[in-house]
Amino acid sequence: MGMLDIQRAQIAGILDNIDDAESRLRLVPSRTTPLSLVKHAIFVEKVWFHSRVAGVSRTSLGLPDAVDDSFILEPADTIDTVRQAFLDACEHSRQVAAAHDLDEQFPWHQGPVTLRFIYGHMIAEFARHAGHGDILVEQILARR
């Protein structure tokens, strides 16, 4: 699971070298900002590991129904609070996953998936979002 942790570190690193105001800059038409990418990553951790693998309902976890809503920032969201929430979610995900076998199956709307599949999905999703974050931060730094 080392590769997933590498991608998790890349997600957390999106928020390095920018300030809170810059982390909220919208440079694309969607809700995607550096800060909202990390907030979305919290949602992803919780959907896959806290809900799907651990069996806790999304409602109990306070997760929105729509994926797009996971990018919505609240006034209280800061680099520090969102990064810490992401790191905490990742740690809980590690604990949840450690209690399961890689070939154990979990429900998904497209049919059962293994923990091995979930790791692969998470690596791909976080690598893609880390790349999005890199591009946004590059644009922000170029504006200074």
Protein backbone atom coordinates (compact mmCIF):
# COMPACT_ATOMS: atom_id res chain seq x y z
CA MET A 1 0.00 0.00 0.00
CA GLY A 2 3.07 2.21 -0.26
CA MET A 3 1.96 3.66 -3.62
CA LEU A 4 -1.33 4.88 -2.14
CA ASP A 5 0.53 6.63 0.66
CA ILE A 6 2.79 8.28 -1.93
CA GLN A 7 -0.30 9.63 -3.69
CA ARG A 8 -1.83 10.71 -0.38
CA ALA A 9 1.33 12.72 0.33
CA GLN A 10 1.03 14.32 -3.11
CA ILE A 11 -2.56 15.34 -2.35
CA ALA A 12 -1.55 16.90 0.99
CA GLY A 13 1.36 18.62 -0.78
CA ILE A 14 -1.00 20.50 -3.09
CA LEU A 15 -1.41 23.00 -0.26
CA ASP A 16 2.32 23.63 0.22
CA ASN A 17 3.74 27.00 -0.82
CA ILE A 18 0.39 28.77 -1.16
CA ASP A 19 -1.65 30.75 1.35
CA ASP A 20 -5.29 30.38 2.36
CA ALA A 21 -6.53 32.99 -0.10
CA GLU A 22 -4.59 31.39 -2.97
CA SER A 23 -5.86 27.93 -1.99
CA ARG A 24 -9.41 29.11 -2.78
CA LEU A 25 -8.68 30.66 -6.19
CA ARG A 26 -10.92 29.31 -8.94
CA LEU A 27 -8.93 29.13 -12.14
CA VAL A 28 -11.30 26.74 -13.93
CA PRO A 29 -15.08 26.85 -14.42
CA SER A 30 -15.74 24.00 -11.94
CA ARG A 31 -15.52 24.23 -8.15
CA THR A 32 -11.99 22.87 -8.35
CA THR A 33 -9.44 24.84 -6.33
CA PRO A 34 -6.34 23.56 -4.55
CA LEU A 35 -8.22 23.53 -1.24
CA SER A 36 -11.34 21.93 -2.68
CA LEU A 37 -9.26 19.15 -4.27
CA VAL A 38 -7.96 18.18 -0.84
CA LYS A 39 -11.44 18.47 0.65
CA HIS A 40 -12.72 16.19 -2.12
CA ALA A 41 -9.94 13.71 -1.26
CA ILE A 42 -11.34 13.52 2.29
CA PHE A 43 -14.69 12.57 0.76
CA VAL A 44 -13.01 9.90 -1.40
CA GLU A 45 -11.19 8.37 1.59
CA LYS A 46 -14.39 8.27 3.59
CA VAL A 47 -16.56 6.87 0.80
CA TRP A 48 -14.21 4.03 -0.07
CA PHE A 49 -12.69 3.07 3.28
CA HIS A 50 -14.89 4.48 6.05
CA SER A 51 -18.17 3.66 4.33
CA ARG A 52 -17.64 0.90 1.78
CA VAL A 53 -14.99 -1.13 3.63
CA ALA A 54 -15.93 -0.32 7.24
CA GLY A 55 -19.66 -0.47 6.52
CA VAL A 56 -20.59 2.91 8.01
CA SER A 57 -23.36 4.70 6.13
CA ARG A 58 -22.50 7.82 4.17
CA THR A 59 -25.21 9.65 6.09
CA SER A 60 -23.58 8.74 9.41
CA LEU A 61 -20.27 10.05 8.08
CA GLY A 62 -21.90 13.32 7.03
CA LEU A 63 -21.01 12.81 3.37
CA PRO A 64 -22.90 14.59 0.60
CA ASP A 65 -24.89 12.50 -1.85
CA ALA A 66 -23.39 14.17 -4.92
CA VAL A 67 -19.67 13.93 -5.64
CA ASP A 68 -19.62 17.54 -6.90
CA ASP A 69 -20.79 18.72 -3.49
CA SER A 70 -17.60 17.34 -1.95
CA PHE A 71 -15.75 20.27 -3.53
CA ILE A 72 -17.82 22.90 -1.70
CA LEU A 73 -15.74 24.93 0.73
CA GLU A 74 -17.09 26.30 3.98
CA PRO A 75 -15.90 29.63 5.43
CA ALA A 76 -14.13 27.76 8.24
CA ASP A 77 -12.11 25.61 5.80
CA THR A 78 -8.45 26.58 5.85
CA ILE A 79 -5.27 24.95 4.63
CA ASP A 80 -4.56 23.76 8.16
CA THR A 81 -8.04 22.39 8.93
CA VAL A 82 -8.56 20.68 5.58
CA ARG A 83 -5.05 19.20 5.48
CA GLN A 84 -5.45 17.85 9.02
CA ALA A 85 -8.87 16.40 8.23
CA PHE A 86 -7.36 14.70 5.18
CA LEU A 87 -4.45 13.25 7.19
CA ASP A 88 -6.87 12.05 9.86
CA ALA A 89 -9.12 10.43 7.24
CA CYS A 90 -6.09 8.69 5.70
CA GLU A 91 -4.97 7.34 9.06
CA HIS A 92 -8.44 5.98 9.78
CA SER A 93 -8.52 4.43 6.31
CA ARG A 94 -5.22 2.66 6.98
CA GLN A 95 -6.64 1.23 10.21
CA VAL A 96 -9.83 0.09 8.48
CA ALA A 97 -7.95 -1.52 5.59
CA ALA A 98 -5.48 -3.30 7.90
CA ALA A 99 -8.35 -5.38 9.29
CA HIS A 100 -9.20 -6.82 5.85
CA ASP A 101 -7.69 -9.14 3.27
CA LEU A 102 -6.81 -7.76 -0.17
CA ASP A 103 -9.19 -10.21 -1.84
CA GLU A 104 -12.12 -9.50 0.49
CA GLN A 105 -15.07 -8.08 -1.44
CA PHE A 106 -17.12 -4.99 -0.70
CA PRO A 107 -20.32 -3.63 -2.26
CA TRP A 108 -20.14 -1.07 -5.04
CA HIS A 109 -22.87 0.16 -7.37
CA GLN A 110 -21.18 -1.61 -10.30
CA GLY A 111 -20.86 -4.88 -8.38
CA PRO A 112 -18.61 -6.23 -5.64
CA VAL A 113 -14.98 -5.06 -5.61
CA THR A 114 -11.96 -6.29 -3.69
CA LEU A 115 -9.80 -4.25 -1.38
CA ARG A 116 -7.10 -4.69 -4.04
CA PHE A 117 -9.39 -2.96 -6.57
CA ILE A 118 -10.05 -0.15 -4.08
CA TYR A 119 -6.32 0.46 -3.64
CA GLY A 120 -5.85 0.63 -7.41
CA HIS A 121 -8.81 2.97 -7.79
CA MET A 122 -7.53 5.24 -5.01
CA ILE A 123 -4.02 5.39 -6.47
CA ALA A 124 -5.39 6.35 -9.90
CA GLU A 125 -7.85 8.91 -8.53
CA PHE A 126 -5.33 10.59 -6.23
CA ALA A 127 -2.63 10.64 -8.92
CA ARG A 128 -5.07 12.35 -11.28
CA HIS A 129 -6.15 14.90 -8.67
CA ALA A 130 -2.57 15.56 -7.56
CA GLY A 131 -1.80 16.43 -11.19
CA HIS A 132 -4.78 18.78 -11.28
CA GLY A 133 -3.49 20.39 -8.10
CA ASP A 134 0.03 20.76 -9.50
CA ILE A 135 -1.32 22.63 -12.52
CA LEU A 136 -3.49 24.93 -10.40
CA VAL A 137 -0.62 25.72 -8.02
CA GLU A 138 1.69 26.37 -10.97
CA GLN A 139 -0.83 28.90 -12.28
CA ILE A 140 -1.16 30.50 -8.85
CA LEU A 141 2.58 30.82 -8.37
CA ALA A 142 2.95 32.33 -11.84
CA ARG A 143 0.46 35.06 -10.85
CA ARG A 144 2.59 36.30 -7.96
